[in-house]
PDB file of N, CA and C in Angstrom:
ATOM      1  N   MET A   1     -12.058   5.085   3.625  1.00  0.00           N
ATOM      2  CA  MET A   1     -11.589   3.848   3.962  1.00  0.00           C
ATOM      3  C   MET A   1     -11.763   3.669   5.591  1.00  0.00           C
ATOM      4  N   ASP A   2     -11.949   2.350   5.856  1.00  0.00           N
ATOM      5  CA  ASP A   2     -12.489   2.112   7.471  1.00  0.00           C
ATOM      6  C   ASP A   2     -11.032   1.479   7.858  1.00  0.00           C
ATOM      7  N   PHE A   3     -10.695   2.030   8.969  1.00  0.00           N
ATOM      8  CA  PHE A   3      -9.703   1.628   9.648  1.00  0.00           C
ATOM      9  C   PHE A   3      -9.570   0.048   9.904  1.00  0.00           C
ATOM     10  N   ASP A   4     -10.629  -0.408  10.600  1.00  0.00           N
ATOM     11  CA  ASP A   4     -10.775  -1.730  10.795  1.00  0.00           C
ATOM     12  C   ASP A   4     -10.578  -2.688   9.563  1.00  0.00           C
ATOM     13  N   GLU A   5     -11.452  -2.238   8.586  1.00  0.00           N
ATOM     14  CA  GLU A   5     -11.227  -2.935   7.363  1.00  0.00           C
ATOM     15  C   GLU A   5      -9.947  -3.115   6.888  1.00  0.00           C
ATOM     16  N   ALA A   6      -9.380  -2.094   6.666  1.00  0.00           N
ATOM     17  CA  ALA A   6      -7.763  -1.942   6.252  1.00  0.00           C
ATOM     18  C   ALA A   6      -6.866  -2.852   6.927  1.00  0.00           C
ATOM     19  N   TYR A   7      -7.139  -2.740   8.522  1.00  0.00           N
ATOM     20  CA  TYR A   7      -6.189  -3.501   9.320  1.00  0.00           C
ATOM     21  C   TYR A   7      -6.547  -4.957   9.411  1.00  0.00           C
ATOM     22  N   ALA A   8      -7.711  -5.439   8.668  1.00  0.00           N
ATOM     23  CA  ALA A   8      -7.958  -6.733   8.364  1.00  0.00           C
ATOM     24  C   ALA A   8      -7.337  -7.193   7.364  1.00  0.00           C
ATOM     25  N   ARG A   9      -6.853  -6.311   6.403  1.00  0.00           N
ATOM     26  CA  ARG A   9      -6.258  -6.765   5.205  1.00  0.00           C
ATOM     27  C   ARG A   9      -4.714  -6.620   5.207  1.00  0.00           C
ATOM     28  N   LYS A  10      -4.369  -6.154   6.103  1.00  0.00           N
ATOM     29  CA  LYS A  10      -2.584  -5.996   6.397  1.00  0.00           C
ATOM     30  C   LYS A  10      -1.922  -6.917   5.902  1.00  0.00           C
ATOM     31  N   ASN A  11      -0.866  -6.654   5.498  1.00  0.00           N
ATOM     32  CA  ASN A  11       0.033  -7.798   5.209  1.00  0.00           C
ATOM     33  C   ASN A  11       1.464  -7.426   6.004  1.00  0.00           C
ATOM     34  N   PHE A  12       2.291  -8.438   6.239  1.00  0.00           N
ATOM     35  CA  PHE A  12       3.577  -8.058   7.040  1.00  0.00           C
ATOM     36  C   PHE A  12       4.616  -8.241   6.336  1.00  0.00           C
ATOM     37  N   CYS A  13       5.652  -7.260   6.722  1.00  0.00           N
ATOM     38  CA  CYS A  13       6.946  -7.196   5.979  1.00  0.00           C
ATOM     39  C   CYS A  13       7.849  -7.819   7.159  1.00  0.00           C
ATOM     40  N   HIS A  14       8.684  -8.717   6.470  1.00  0.00           N
ATOM     41  CA  HIS A  14       9.559  -9.690   7.671  1.00  0.00           C
ATOM     42  C   HIS A  14      10.870  -8.947   7.552  1.00  0.00           C
ATOM     43  N   ILE A  15      11.548  -8.793   8.619  1.00  0.00           N
ATOM     44  CA  ILE A  15      12.667  -8.112   8.535  1.00  0.00           C
ATOM     45  C   ILE A  15      13.649  -8.887   9.514  1.00  0.00           C
ATOM     46  N   ASP A  16      14.570  -9.472   8.779  1.00  0.00           N
ATOM     47  CA  ASP A  16      15.605 -10.500   9.263  1.00  0.00           C
ATOM     48  C   ASP A  16      15.231 -11.799  10.090  1.00  0.00           C
ATOM     49  N   ASP A  17      14.100 -12.099   9.808  1.00  0.00           N
ATOM     50  CA  ASP A  17      13.133 -13.312  10.454  1.00  0.00           C
ATOM     51  C   ASP A  17      13.122 -12.906  12.021  1.00  0.00           C
ATOM     52  N   GLU A  18      13.196 -11.513  12.436  1.00  0.00           N
ATOM     53  CA  GLU A  18      13.163 -11.269  13.869  1.00  0.00           C
ATOM     54  C   GLU A  18      11.951 -10.429  14.104  1.00  0.00           C
ATOM     55  N   PHE A  19      11.528  -9.812  13.109  1.00  0.00           N
ATOM     56  CA  PHE A  19      10.554  -8.655  13.108  1.00  0.00           C
ATOM     57  C   PHE A  19       9.402  -8.992  12.101  1.00  0.00           C
ATOM     58  N   GLN A  20       8.118  -8.667  12.243  1.00  0.00           N
ATOM     59  CA  GLN A  20       7.010  -8.384  11.462  1.00  0.00           C
ATOM     60  C   GLN A  20       6.480  -7.225  11.740  1.00  0.00           C
ATOM     61  N   VAL A  21       6.454  -6.384  10.447  1.00  0.00           N
ATOM     62  CA  VAL A  21       5.906  -5.019  10.498  1.00  0.00           C
ATOM     63  C   VAL A  21       4.767  -5.157   9.874  1.00  0.00           C
ATOM     64  N   PRO A  22       3.706  -4.658  10.336  1.00  0.00           N
ATOM     65  CA  PRO A  22       2.547  -4.823   9.547  1.00  0.00           C
ATOM     66  C   PRO A  22       2.522  -3.620   8.544  1.00  0.00           C
ATOM     67  N   VAL A  23       2.031  -3.758   7.223  1.00  0.00           N
ATOM     68  CA  VAL A  23       1.901  -2.666   6.299  1.00  0.00           C
ATOM     69  C   VAL A  23       0.570  -2.818   5.668  1.00  0.00           C
ATOM     70  N   LEU A  24       0.156  -1.494   4.926  1.00  0.00           N
ATOM     71  CA  LEU A  24      -1.206  -1.579   4.213  1.00  0.00           C
ATOM     72  C   LEU A  24      -1.129  -2.531   3.204  1.00  0.00           C
ATOM     73  N   HIS A  25      -2.252  -2.993   2.943  1.00  0.00           N
ATOM     74  CA  HIS A  25      -2.313  -4.036   1.591  1.00  0.00           C
ATOM     75  C   HIS A  25      -2.409  -3.055   0.442  1.00  0.00           C
ATOM     76  N   PHE A  26      -1.601  -3.389  -0.748  1.00  0.00           N
ATOM     77  CA  PHE A  26      -1.509  -2.468  -1.749  1.00  0.00           C
ATOM     78  C   PHE A  26      -2.672  -1.542  -2.431  1.00  0.00           C
ATOM     79  N   ASN A  27      -3.904  -2.137  -2.249  1.00  0.00           N
ATOM     80  CA  ASN A  27      -4.970  -1.773  -2.740  1.00  0.00           C
ATOM     81  C   ASN A  27      -5.503  -0.532  -1.377  1.00  0.00           C
ATOM     82  N   ASP A  28      -5.449  -0.654  -0.485  1.00  0.00           N
ATOM     83  CA  ASP A  28      -5.507   0.228   0.743  1.00  0.00           C
ATOM     84  C   ASP A  28      -4.685   1.293   0.602  1.00  0.00           C
ATOM     85  N   LEU A  29      -3.283   0.892   0.487  1.00  0.00           N
ATOM     86  CA  LEU A  29      -2.422   2.065  -0.030  1.00  0.00           C
ATOM     87  C   LEU A  29      -2.801   3.291  -0.942  1.00  0.00           C
ATOM     88  N   VAL A  30      -2.947   2.551  -2.058  1.00  0.00           N
ATOM     89  CA  VAL A  30      -3.285   3.346  -3.047  1.00  0.00           C
ATOM     90  C   VAL A  30      -4.702   4.026  -3.160  1.00  0.00           C
ATOM     91  N   LEU A  31      -5.920   3.367  -2.535  1.00  0.00           N
ATOM     92  CA  LEU A  31      -6.772   4.152  -2.257  1.00  0.00           C
ATOM     93  C   LEU A  31      -6.819   5.170  -0.976  1.00  0.00           C
ATOM     94  N   SER A  32      -5.946   5.177  -0.116  1.00  0.00           N
ATOM     95  CA  SER A  32      -5.648   6.152   0.810  1.00  0.00           C
ATOM     96  C   SER A  32      -4.909   7.212   0.327  1.00  0.00           C
ATOM     97  N   LYS A  33      -3.879   7.191  -0.916  1.00  0.00           N
ATOM     98  CA  LYS A  33      -3.244   8.038  -1.440  1.00  0.00           C
ATOM     99  C   LYS A  33      -4.282   8.798  -2.419  1.00  0.00           C
ATOM    100  N   PHE A  34      -5.150   8.080  -3.019  1.00  0.00           N
ATOM    101  CA  PHE A  34      -6.167   8.419  -3.765  1.00  0.00           C
ATOM    102  C   PHE A  34      -7.017   9.741  -3.104  1.00  0.00           C
ATOM    103  N   ASN A  35      -7.364   9.362  -1.943  1.00  0.00           N
ATOM    104  CA  ASN A  35      -8.273  10.003  -1.219  1.00  0.00           C
ATOM    105  C   ASN A  35      -7.804  11.390  -0.616  1.00  0.00           C
ATOM    106  N   THR A  36      -6.494  11.504  -0.569  1.00  0.00           N
ATOM    107  CA  THR A  36      -5.935  12.553  -0.122  1.00  0.00           C
ATOM    108  C   THR A  36      -6.153  13.932  -1.152  1.00  0.00           C
ATOM    109  N   GLY A  37      -6.221  13.503  -2.347  1.00  0.00           N
ATOM    110  CA  GLY A  37      -6.298  14.533  -3.436  1.00  0.00           C
ATOM    111  C   GLY A  37      -4.809  15.250  -3.403  1.00  0.00           C
ATOM    112  N   ARG A  38      -3.807  14.937  -2.801  1.00  0.00           N
ATOM    113  CA  ARG A  38      -2.634  15.739  -3.045  1.00  0.00           C
ATOM    114  C   ARG A  38      -1.751  15.326  -4.457  1.00  0.00           C
ATOM    115  N   THR A  39      -1.195  16.316  -4.919  1.00  0.00           N
ATOM    116  CA  THR A  39      -0.362  15.976  -6.053  1.00  0.00           C
ATOM    117  C   THR A  39       0.740  14.985  -6.167  1.00  0.00           C
ATOM    118  N   LYS A  40       1.263  15.175  -5.137  1.00  0.00           N
ATOM    119  CA  LYS A  40       2.196  14.125  -4.756  1.00  0.00           C
ATOM    120  C   LYS A  40       1.863  12.570  -4.618  1.00  0.00           C
ATOM    121  N   ASP A  41       0.707  12.580  -4.119  1.00  0.00           N
ATOM    122  CA  ASP A  41       0.109  11.401  -3.617  1.00  0.00           C
ATOM    123  C   ASP A  41      -0.556  10.685  -5.029  1.00  0.00           C
ATOM    124  N   LYS A  42      -0.763  11.624  -6.128  1.00  0.00           N
ATOM    125  CA  LYS A  42      -1.177  10.974  -7.259  1.00  0.00           C
ATOM    126  C   LYS A  42      -0.052  10.472  -7.992  1.00  0.00           C
ATOM    127  N   ALA A  43       1.070  11.148  -7.844  1.00  0.00           N
ATOM    128  CA  ALA A  43       2.318  10.703  -8.255  1.00  0.00           C
ATOM    129  C   ALA A  43       2.854   9.260  -7.842  1.00  0.00           C
ATOM    130  N   ASP A  44       2.728   9.196  -6.561  1.00  0.00           N
ATOM    131  CA  ASP A  44       2.873   7.987  -5.785  1.00  0.00           C
ATOM    132  C   ASP A  44       2.094   6.861  -6.581  1.00  0.00           C
ATOM    133  N   ILE A  45       0.822   7.030  -6.587  1.00  0.00           N
ATOM    134  CA  ILE A  45      -0.118   6.055  -7.120  1.00  0.00           C
ATOM    135  C   ILE A  45       0.527   5.707  -8.612  1.00  0.00           C
ATOM    136  N   GLU A  46       0.708   6.658  -9.457  1.00  0.00           N
ATOM    137  CA  GLU A  46       1.282   6.288 -10.764  1.00  0.00           C
ATOM    138  C   GLU A  46       2.831   5.452 -10.807  1.00  0.00           C
ATOM    139  N   GLU A  47       3.597   5.677  -9.700  1.00  0.00           N
ATOM    140  CA  GLU A  47       4.775   4.860  -9.398  1.00  0.00           C
ATOM    141  C   GLU A  47       4.370   3.372  -8.972  1.00  0.00           C
ATOM    142  N   LEU A  48       3.228   3.602  -7.980  1.00  0.00           N
ATOM    143  CA  LEU A  48       3.176   2.239  -7.277  1.00  0.00           C
ATOM    144  C   LEU A  48       2.379   1.347  -8.492  1.00  0.00           C
ATOM    145  N   GLN A  49       1.493   2.172  -9.129  1.00  0.00           N
ATOM    146  CA  GLN A  49       0.814   1.146 -10.262  1.00  0.00           C
ATOM    147  C   GLN A  49       1.853   0.493 -11.266  1.00  0.00           C
ATOM    148  N   LYS A  50       2.844   1.318 -11.638  1.00  0.00           N
ATOM    149  CA  LYS A  50       3.793   0.891 -12.583  1.00  0.00           C
ATOM    150  C   LYS A  50       4.768  -0.615 -12.051  1.00  0.00           C
ATOM    151  N   ILE A  51       4.919  -0.148 -10.719  1.00  0.00           N
ATOM    152  CA  ILE A  51       5.802  -1.345  -9.855  1.00  0.00           C
ATOM    153  C   ILE A  51       4.879  -2.645  -9.767  1.00  0.00           C
ATOM    154  N   GLU A  52       3.636  -2.258  -9.775  1.00  0.00           N
ATOM    155  CA  GLU A  52       2.703  -3.404  -9.540  1.00  0.00           C
ATOM    156  C   GLU A  52       2.437  -4.146 -10.896  1.00  0.00           C
ATOM    157  N   LYS A  53       2.672  -3.395 -11.713  1.00  0.00           N
ATOM    158  CA  LYS A  53       2.209  -3.949 -13.282  1.00  0.00           C
ATOM    159  C   LYS A  53       3.739  -4.900 -13.500  1.00  0.00           C
ATOM    160  N   GLN A  54       4.878  -4.134 -13.093  1.00  0.00           N
ATOM    161  CA  GLN A  54       6.034  -5.077 -13.372  1.00  0.00           C
ATOM    162  C   GLN A  54       6.193  -6.315 -12.692  1.00  0.00           C
ATOM    163  N   LYS A  55       5.823  -6.209 -11.357  1.00  0.00           N
ATOM    164  CA  LYS A  55       5.630  -7.571 -10.595  1.00  0.00           C
ATOM    165  C   LYS A  55       4.977  -8.725 -11.294  1.00  0.00           C
ATOM    166  N   LYS A  56       3.687  -8.470 -12.227  1.00  0.00           N
ATOM    167  CA  LYS A  56       2.955  -9.329 -12.753  1.00  0.00           C
ATOM    168  C   LYS A  56       3.579  -9.924 -14.027  1.00  0.00           C
ATOM    169  N   LYS A  57       4.783  -9.426 -14.527  1.00  0.00           N
ATOM    170  CA  LYS A  57       5.107  -9.844 -15.688  1.00  0.00           C
ATOM    171  C   LYS A  57       5.901 -11.064 -15.284  1.00  0.00           C
TER     172      LYS A  57
END
């Protein structure tokens, strides 16, 4: 994953209407975790996909 491309797709988390915190786009987060190859990150991907699926209902 290219940092500049991921940065261009970032989202913002708004906190108390005072702060905007940049966060990775969902797809970039999943890709980043996939690329590590770590068992923990694979488990995180499964949970993230469950959450995303629930949001679409």
